[in-house]
């Protein structure tokens, strides 16, 4: 059986990001047939600008992101919520992946959105915005894949998400839904 690859993009650049930790927990709890790859360089990608998106001259970090997304079977966006919406780093990644228009790396790509935030709803507004942006960029949004963990700063102050039994159970549900939503390789 061929392994499927889930490219994971984390919207937070903070060293102690609870969303980075959530992505790590997802990676650790992936079924054997799934390879979860956390893309590490969103902070190195320049803001999208058509003037620098020229074939053969695309900035290396943006080209690497596009290549990783093109090779992945599924994309997983892990987002915090900044002022009720998605952080600029994640939106910028979506913008780079949306080009060229109609044929970007997200075109038709199964894409899911999860995350954690300090507020009582776990960042659902940011998740909705990320789904909207990725969908407009051409991704096939997996609406049934949901995970919004509220109270992240308190909940994960002393416990990594990988050690939170409730979160781990929800992560396992993500993979069940992903398996049901994506064609077998």
Foldseek 3Di string as FASTA:
>chain_A
DAAAEEEEEEQDPDPPDLLVLLLVLLQVLAPPSYHYHYDDPLVVQDADDPVQPDVPRNPPSLVVLQVVLLRGQAYEYEAEADPLAGHPSLLRNLVSQLPPPCDGSQAAREYEYEYAYQAPFQNVSHRVRSQVSSVNSHHDYLVVQYYRHYRSCVVPVPPRLNRVVVSSVSSVVNNVSVPVVGDDD
